[in-house]
PDB file of all heavy atoms in Angstrom:
ATOM      1  N   HIS A   1       0.826  -1.209  -0.004  1.00  0.00           N
ATOM      2  CA  HIS A   1      -0.005   0.031  -0.069  1.00  0.00           C
ATOM      3  C   HIS A   1       0.838   1.271  -0.024  1.00  0.00           C
ATOM      4  O   HIS A   1       0.688   2.157  -0.824  1.00  0.00           O
ATOM      5  CB  HIS A   1      -0.915   0.012   1.238  1.00  0.00           C
ATOM      6  CG  HIS A   1      -1.630   1.261   1.356  1.00  0.00           C
ATOM      7  ND1 HIS A   1      -1.156   2.305   2.173  1.00  0.00           N
ATOM      8  CD2 HIS A   1      -2.804   1.764   0.870  1.00  0.00           C
ATOM      9  CE1 HIS A   1      -2.004   3.378   2.078  1.00  0.00           C
ATOM     10  NE2 HIS A   1      -2.947   3.025   1.308  1.00  0.00           N
ATOM     11  N   GLY A   2       1.822   1.329   0.883  1.00  0.00           N
ATOM     12  CA  GLY A   2       2.664   2.532   0.950  1.00  0.00           C
ATOM     13  C   GLY A   2       3.383   2.814  -0.266  1.00  0.00           C
ATOM     14  O   GLY A   2       3.572   3.947  -0.602  1.00  0.00           O
ATOM     15  N   ALA A   3       3.924   1.768  -0.944  1.00  0.00           N
ATOM     16  CA  ALA A   3       4.691   1.970  -2.153  1.00  0.00           C
ATOM     17  C   ALA A   3       3.802   2.507  -3.250  1.00  0.00           C
ATOM     18  O   ALA A   3       4.126   3.460  -3.966  1.00  0.00           O
ATOM     19  CB  ALA A   3       5.285   0.582  -2.610  1.00  0.00           C
ATOM     20  N   ILE A   4       2.625   1.967  -3.439  1.00  0.00           N
ATOM     21  CA  ILE A   4       1.695   2.468  -4.476  1.00  0.00           C
ATOM     22  C   ILE A   4       1.246   3.878  -4.191  1.00  0.00           C
ATOM     23  O   ILE A   4       1.277   4.762  -5.124  1.00  0.00           O
ATOM     24  CB  ILE A   4       0.481   1.532  -4.547  1.00  0.00           C
ATOM     25  CG1 ILE A   4       0.951   0.105  -5.036  1.00  0.00           C
ATOM     26  CG2 ILE A   4      -0.671   2.057  -5.422  1.00  0.00           C
ATOM     27  CD1 ILE A   4      -0.077  -1.031  -4.904  1.00  0.00           C
ATOM     28  N   VAL A   5       0.839   4.208  -2.963  1.00  0.00           N
ATOM     29  CA  VAL A   5       0.388   5.557  -2.708  1.00  0.00           C
ATOM     30  C   VAL A   5       1.529   6.538  -2.855  1.00  0.00           C
ATOM     31  O   VAL A   5       1.359   7.623  -3.400  1.00  0.00           O
ATOM     32  CB  VAL A   5      -0.221   5.586  -1.303  1.00  0.00           C
ATOM     33  CG1 VAL A   5      -0.561   7.011  -0.870  1.00  0.00           C
ATOM     34  CG2 VAL A   5      -1.471   4.806  -1.260  1.00  0.00           C
ATOM     35  N   ALA A   6       2.735   6.207  -2.343  1.00  0.00           N
ATOM     36  CA  ALA A   6       3.874   7.096  -2.525  1.00  0.00           C
ATOM     37  C   ALA A   6       4.140   7.402  -3.976  1.00  0.00           C
ATOM     38  O   ALA A   6       4.394   8.589  -4.355  1.00  0.00           O
ATOM     39  CB  ALA A   6       5.145   6.502  -1.846  1.00  0.00           C
ATOM     40  N   ARG A   7       4.111   6.427  -4.850  1.00  0.00           N
ATOM     41  CA  ARG A   7       4.297   6.650  -6.271  1.00  0.00           C
ATOM     42  C   ARG A   7       3.173   7.491  -6.910  1.00  0.00           C
ATOM     43  O   ARG A   7       3.431   8.422  -7.598  1.00  0.00           O
ATOM     44  CB  ARG A   7       4.332   5.312  -7.049  1.00  0.00           C
ATOM     45  CG  ARG A   7       5.665   4.625  -6.819  1.00  0.00           C
ATOM     46  CD  ARG A   7       5.814   3.428  -7.838  1.00  0.00           C
ATOM     47  NE  ARG A   7       4.782   2.430  -7.632  1.00  0.00           N
ATOM     48  CZ  ARG A   7       4.929   1.317  -6.921  1.00  0.00           C
ATOM     49  NH1 ARG A   7       6.018   1.164  -6.162  1.00  0.00           N
ATOM     50  NH2 ARG A   7       3.977   0.406  -6.837  1.00  0.00           N
ATOM     51  N   GLU A   8       1.904   7.282  -6.466  1.00  0.00           N
ATOM     52  CA  GLU A   8       0.875   8.136  -6.929  1.00  0.00           C
ATOM     53  C   GLU A   8       1.027   9.581  -6.492  1.00  0.00           C
ATOM     54  O   GLU A   8       0.672  10.455  -7.236  1.00  0.00           O
ATOM     55  CB  GLU A   8      -0.446   7.487  -6.484  1.00  0.00           C
ATOM     56  CG  GLU A   8      -0.891   6.239  -7.095  1.00  0.00           C
ATOM     57  CD  GLU A   8      -2.229   5.637  -6.524  1.00  0.00           C
ATOM     58  OE1 GLU A   8      -2.626   6.201  -5.470  1.00  0.00           O
ATOM     59  OE2 GLU A   8      -2.693   4.692  -7.065  1.00  0.00           O
ATOM     60  N   PHE A   9       1.464   9.790  -5.260  1.00  0.00           N
ATOM     61  CA  PHE A   9       1.535  11.116  -4.737  1.00  0.00           C
ATOM     62  C   PHE A   9       2.967  11.778  -5.023  1.00  0.00           C
ATOM     63  O   PHE A   9       3.220  12.916  -4.720  1.00  0.00           O
ATOM     64  CB  PHE A   9       1.322  11.167  -3.278  1.00  0.00           C
ATOM     65  CG  PHE A   9      -0.050  10.894  -2.806  1.00  0.00           C
ATOM     66  CD1 PHE A   9      -1.093  10.694  -3.654  1.00  0.00           C
ATOM     67  CD2 PHE A   9      -0.379  10.886  -1.465  1.00  0.00           C
ATOM     68  CE1 PHE A   9      -2.340  10.452  -3.276  1.00  0.00           C
ATOM     69  CE2 PHE A   9      -1.674  10.687  -1.035  1.00  0.00           C
ATOM     70  CZ  PHE A   9      -2.688  10.459  -1.948  1.00  0.00           C
ATOM     71  N   GLY A  10       3.838  10.994  -5.692  1.00  0.00           N
ATOM     72  CA  GLY A  10       5.224  11.562  -5.976  1.00  0.00           C
ATOM     73  C   GLY A  10       6.076  11.735  -4.764  1.00  0.00           C
ATOM     74  O   GLY A  10       6.841  12.755  -4.722  1.00  0.00           O
ATOM     75  N   ILE A  11       5.903  10.948  -3.774  1.00  0.00           N
ATOM     76  CA  ILE A  11       6.716  11.005  -2.540  1.00  0.00           C
ATOM     77  C   ILE A  11       7.810  10.052  -2.526  1.00  0.00           C
ATOM     78  O   ILE A  11       7.606   8.893  -2.732  1.00  0.00           O
ATOM     79  CB  ILE A  11       5.818  10.795  -1.307  1.00  0.00           C
ATOM     80  CG1 ILE A  11       4.627  11.845  -1.358  1.00  0.00           C
ATOM     81  CG2 ILE A  11       6.580  10.921  -0.061  1.00  0.00           C
ATOM     82  CD1 ILE A  11       3.602  11.460  -0.294  1.00  0.00           C
ATOM     83  N   PRO A  12       9.046  10.424  -2.167  1.00  0.00           N
ATOM     84  CA  PRO A  12      10.153   9.387  -2.139  1.00  0.00           C
ATOM     85  C   PRO A  12       9.740   8.374  -1.001  1.00  0.00           C
ATOM     86  O   PRO A  12       9.295   8.717   0.062  1.00  0.00           O
ATOM     87  CB  PRO A  12      11.333  10.226  -1.638  1.00  0.00           C
ATOM     88  CG  PRO A  12      11.065  11.663  -1.995  1.00  0.00           C
ATOM     89  CD  PRO A  12       9.559  11.768  -1.932  1.00  0.00           C
ATOM     90  N   ALA A  13       9.988   7.133  -1.321  1.00  0.00           N
ATOM     91  CA  ALA A  13       9.710   6.073  -0.408  1.00  0.00           C
ATOM     92  C   ALA A  13      10.694   4.935  -0.442  1.00  0.00           C
ATOM     93  O   ALA A  13      11.082   4.547  -1.550  1.00  0.00           O
ATOM     94  CB  ALA A  13       8.297   5.501  -0.566  1.00  0.00           C
ATOM     95  N   VAL A  14      11.064   4.397   0.694  1.00  0.00           N
ATOM     96  CA  VAL A  14      11.918   3.254   0.836  1.00  0.00           C
ATOM     97  C   VAL A  14      11.169   2.325   1.807  1.00  0.00           C
ATOM     98  O   VAL A  14      10.827   2.716   2.907  1.00  0.00           O
ATOM     99  CB  VAL A  14      13.323   3.633   1.360  1.00  0.00           C
ATOM    100  CG1 VAL A  14      14.200   2.367   1.565  1.00  0.00           C
ATOM    101  CG2 VAL A  14      14.026   4.650   0.475  1.00  0.00           C
ATOM    102  N   VAL A  15      11.053   1.096   1.411  1.00  0.00           N
ATOM    103  CA  VAL A  15      10.402   0.072   2.310  1.00  0.00           C
ATOM    104  C   VAL A  15      11.320  -1.089   2.620  1.00  0.00           C
ATOM    105  O   VAL A  15      12.455  -1.134   2.074  1.00  0.00           O
ATOM    106  CB  VAL A  15       9.088  -0.485   1.632  1.00  0.00           C
ATOM    107  CG1 VAL A  15       8.117   0.682   1.258  1.00  0.00           C
ATOM    108  CG2 VAL A  15       9.453  -1.271   0.378  1.00  0.00           C
ATOM    109  N   ASN A  16      10.888  -1.941   3.521  1.00  0.00           N
ATOM    110  CA  ASN A  16      11.637  -3.102   3.926  1.00  0.00           C
ATOM    111  C   ASN A  16      13.007  -2.642   4.546  1.00  0.00           C
ATOM    112  O   ASN A  16      14.019  -3.240   4.234  1.00  0.00           O
ATOM    113  CB  ASN A  16      11.919  -4.068   2.772  1.00  0.00           C
ATOM    114  CG  ASN A  16      12.309  -5.448   3.256  1.00  0.00           C
ATOM    115  OD1 ASN A  16      11.924  -5.840   4.355  1.00  0.00           O
ATOM    116  ND2 ASN A  16      12.969  -6.201   2.361  1.00  0.00           N
ATOM    117  N   VAL A  17      12.971  -1.598   5.350  1.00  0.00           N
ATOM    118  CA  VAL A  17      14.148  -1.097   6.108  1.00  0.00           C
ATOM    119  C   VAL A  17      14.099  -1.703   7.445  1.00  0.00           C
ATOM    120  O   VAL A  17      13.568  -1.216   8.432  1.00  0.00           O
ATOM    121  CB  VAL A  17      14.135   0.381   6.199  1.00  0.00           C
ATOM    122  CG1 VAL A  17      15.426   0.931   6.824  1.00  0.00           C
ATOM    123  CG2 VAL A  17      13.935   1.040   4.807  1.00  0.00           C
ATOM    124  N   GLN A  18      14.627  -2.974   7.524  1.00  0.00           N
ATOM    125  CA  GLN A  18      14.516  -3.807   8.744  1.00  0.00           C
ATOM    126  C   GLN A  18      15.221  -3.127   9.953  1.00  0.00           C
ATOM    127  O   GLN A  18      16.376  -2.641   9.799  1.00  0.00           O
ATOM    128  CB  GLN A  18      15.191  -5.151   8.481  1.00  0.00           C
ATOM    129  CG  GLN A  18      14.460  -6.001   7.433  1.00  0.00           C
ATOM    130  CD  GLN A  18      13.107  -6.388   7.836  1.00  0.00           C
ATOM    131  OE1 GLN A  18      12.951  -6.935   8.941  1.00  0.00           O
ATOM    132  NE2 GLN A  18      12.099  -6.186   7.051  1.00  0.00           N
ATOM    133  N   GLY A  19      14.556  -3.078  11.069  1.00  0.00           N
ATOM    134  CA  GLY A  19      15.100  -2.557  12.247  1.00  0.00           C
ATOM    135  C   GLY A  19      15.073  -1.101  12.498  1.00  0.00           C
ATOM    136  O   GLY A  19      15.457  -0.577  13.509  1.00  0.00           O
ATOM    137  N   ILE A  20      14.571  -0.309  11.459  1.00  0.00           N
ATOM    138  CA  ILE A  20      14.742   1.185  11.608  1.00  0.00           C
ATOM    139  C   ILE A  20      13.816   1.776  12.674  1.00  0.00           C
ATOM    140  O   ILE A  20      14.175   2.756  13.342  1.00  0.00           O
ATOM    141  CB  ILE A  20      14.366   1.819  10.245  1.00  0.00           C
ATOM    142  CG1 ILE A  20      14.891   3.295  10.331  1.00  0.00           C
ATOM    143  CG2 ILE A  20      12.867   1.763   9.885  1.00  0.00           C
ATOM    144  CD1 ILE A  20      15.198   3.926   9.013  1.00  0.00           C
ATOM    145  N   LEU A  21      12.716   1.081  13.078  1.00  0.00           N
ATOM    146  CA  LEU A  21      11.880   1.614  14.119  1.00  0.00           C
ATOM    147  C   LEU A  21      12.559   1.561  15.471  1.00  0.00           C
ATOM    148  O   LEU A  21      12.224   2.427  16.348  1.00  0.00           O
ATOM    149  CB  LEU A  21      10.512   0.808  14.208  1.00  0.00           C
ATOM    150  CG  LEU A  21       9.562   1.064  13.064  1.00  0.00           C
ATOM    151  CD1 LEU A  21       8.359   0.129  13.027  1.00  0.00           C
ATOM    152  CD2 LEU A  21       9.086   2.522  13.095  1.00  0.00           C
ATOM    153  N   ARG A  22      13.443   0.686  15.678  1.00  0.00           N
ATOM    154  CA  ARG A  22      14.204   0.579  16.973  1.00  0.00           C
ATOM    155  C   ARG A  22      15.397   1.570  16.933  1.00  0.00           C
ATOM    156  O   ARG A  22      16.005   1.786  18.028  1.00  0.00           O
ATOM    157  CB  ARG A  22      14.700  -0.859  17.200  1.00  0.00           C
ATOM    158  CG  ARG A  22      13.618  -1.851  17.441  1.00  0.00           C
ATOM    159  CD  ARG A  22      14.154  -3.169  17.833  1.00  0.00           C
ATOM    160  NE  ARG A  22      15.206  -3.709  16.893  1.00  0.00           N
ATOM    161  CZ  ARG A  22      14.875  -4.485  15.791  1.00  0.00           C
ATOM    162  NH1 ARG A  22      13.656  -4.770  15.523  1.00  0.00           N
ATOM    163  NH2 ARG A  22      15.875  -4.913  15.047  1.00  0.00           N
ATOM    164  N   GLN A  23      15.827   2.071  15.801  1.00  0.00           N
ATOM    165  CA  GLN A  23      16.987   2.823  15.721  1.00  0.00           C
ATOM    166  C   GLN A  23      16.815   4.332  15.438  1.00  0.00           C
ATOM    167  O   GLN A  23      17.772   5.081  15.499  1.00  0.00           O
ATOM    168  CB  GLN A  23      17.929   2.168  14.719  1.00  0.00           C
ATOM    169  CG  GLN A  23      18.292   0.713  15.002  1.00  0.00           C
ATOM    170  CD  GLN A  23      18.827   0.026  13.839  1.00  0.00           C
ATOM    171  OE1 GLN A  23      19.465   0.614  13.035  1.00  0.00           O
ATOM    172  NE2 GLN A  23      18.739  -1.300  13.882  1.00  0.00           N
ATOM    173  N   VAL A  24      15.571   4.769  15.108  1.00  0.00           N
ATOM    174  CA  VAL A  24      15.393   6.081  14.752  1.00  0.00           C
ATOM    175  C   VAL A  24      14.277   6.687  15.718  1.00  0.00           C
ATOM    176  O   VAL A  24      13.334   5.918  16.067  1.00  0.00           O
ATOM    177  CB  VAL A  24      14.896   6.268  13.353  1.00  0.00           C
ATOM    178  CG1 VAL A  24      14.385   7.625  12.991  1.00  0.00           C
ATOM    179  CG2 VAL A  24      16.043   5.935  12.377  1.00  0.00           C
ATOM    180  N   ALA A  25      14.393   7.809  16.199  1.00  0.00           N
ATOM    181  CA  ALA A  25      13.411   8.492  17.056  1.00  0.00           C
ATOM    182  C   ALA A  25      12.858   9.683  16.357  1.00  0.00           C
ATOM    183  O   ALA A  25      13.499  10.304  15.547  1.00  0.00           O
ATOM    184  CB  ALA A  25      14.081   8.934  18.409  1.00  0.00           C
ATOM    185  N   SER A  26      11.650  10.045  16.782  1.00  0.00           N
ATOM    186  CA  SER A  26      11.082  11.328  16.149  1.00  0.00           C
ATOM    187  C   SER A  26      12.016  12.487  16.528  1.00  0.00           C
ATOM    188  O   SER A  26      12.515  12.517  17.592  1.00  0.00           O
ATOM    189  CB  SER A  26       9.722  11.594  16.768  1.00  0.00           C
ATOM    190  OG  SER A  26       8.746  10.656  16.259  1.00  0.00           O
ATOM    191  N   GLY A  27      12.293  13.226  15.540  1.00  0.00           N
ATOM    192  CA  GLY A  27      13.174  14.399  15.649  1.00  0.00           C
ATOM    193  C   GLY A  27      14.607  14.157  15.085  1.00  0.00           C
ATOM    194  O   GLY A  27      15.275  15.127  14.781  1.00  0.00           O
ATOM    195  N   ASP A  28      14.943  12.880  14.891  1.00  0.00           N
ATOM    196  CA  ASP A  28      16.184  12.672  14.237  1.00  0.00           C
ATOM    197  C   ASP A  28      16.169  13.179  12.752  1.00  0.00           C
ATOM    198  O   ASP A  28      15.100  13.053  12.159  1.00  0.00           O
ATOM    199  CB  ASP A  28      16.570  11.109  14.144  1.00  0.00           C
ATOM    200  CG  ASP A  28      16.885  10.504  15.452  1.00  0.00           C
ATOM    201  OD1 ASP A  28      17.166  11.203  16.413  1.00  0.00           O
ATOM    202  OD2 ASP A  28      16.996   9.254  15.532  1.00  0.00           O
ATOM    203  N   TRP A  29      17.211  13.825  12.328  1.00  0.00           N
ATOM    204  CA  TRP A  29      17.213  14.397  10.992  1.00  0.00           C
ATOM    205  C   TRP A  29      17.588  13.310   9.985  1.00  0.00           C
ATOM    206  O   TRP A  29      18.660  12.747  10.156  1.00  0.00           O
ATOM    207  CB  TRP A  29      18.117  15.525  10.956  1.00  0.00           C
ATOM    208  CG  TRP A  29      17.764  16.490   9.769  1.00  0.00           C
ATOM    209  CD1 TRP A  29      18.370  16.521   8.597  1.00  0.00           C
ATOM    210  CD2 TRP A  29      16.796  17.529   9.753  1.00  0.00           C
ATOM    211  NE1 TRP A  29      17.777  17.501   7.813  1.00  0.00           N
ATOM    212  CE2 TRP A  29      16.805  18.165   8.485  1.00  0.00           C
ATOM    213  CE3 TRP A  29      15.907  18.028  10.816  1.00  0.00           C
ATOM    214  CZ2 TRP A  29      15.945  19.180   8.181  1.00  0.00           C
ATOM    215  CZ3 TRP A  29      15.043  19.050  10.416  1.00  0.00           C
ATOM    216  CH2 TRP A  29      15.094  19.631   9.149  1.00  0.00           C
ATOM    217  N   LEU A  30      16.765  13.074   9.035  1.00  0.00           N
ATOM    218  CA  LEU A  30      17.048  11.947   8.056  1.00  0.00           C
ATOM    219  C   LEU A  30      17.135  12.521   6.659  1.00  0.00           C
ATOM    220  O   LEU A  30      16.481  13.468   6.300  1.00  0.00           O
ATOM    221  CB  LEU A  30      15.942  10.923   8.126  1.00  0.00           C
ATOM    222  CG  LEU A  30      15.688  10.174   9.413  1.00  0.00           C
ATOM    223  CD1 LEU A  30      14.519   9.253   9.296  1.00  0.00           C
ATOM    224  CD2 LEU A  30      16.898   9.520   9.872  1.00  0.00           C
ATOM    225  N   GLU A  31      17.915  11.743   5.845  1.00  0.00           N
ATOM    226  CA  GLU A  31      17.941  11.987   4.423  1.00  0.00           C
ATOM    227  C   GLU A  31      17.498  10.691   3.756  1.00  0.00           C
ATOM    228  O   GLU A  31      17.991   9.641   4.012  1.00  0.00           O
ATOM    229  CB  GLU A  31      19.334  12.319   3.967  1.00  0.00           C
ATOM    230  CG  GLU A  31      19.473  12.477   2.411  1.00  0.00           C
ATOM    231  CD  GLU A  31      20.848  12.643   1.965  1.00  0.00           C
ATOM    232  OE1 GLU A  31      21.631  11.688   2.156  1.00  0.00           O
ATOM    233  OE2 GLU A  31      21.104  13.668   1.359  1.00  0.00           O
TER     234      GLU A  31
END
């Protein structure tokens, strides 16, 4: 779902990023 909607809206998206929820906190600056 996220991949399809991101493409439709023209938003950069990366999926299957294993473990990122445990390693990133709200407020961390990401690229």
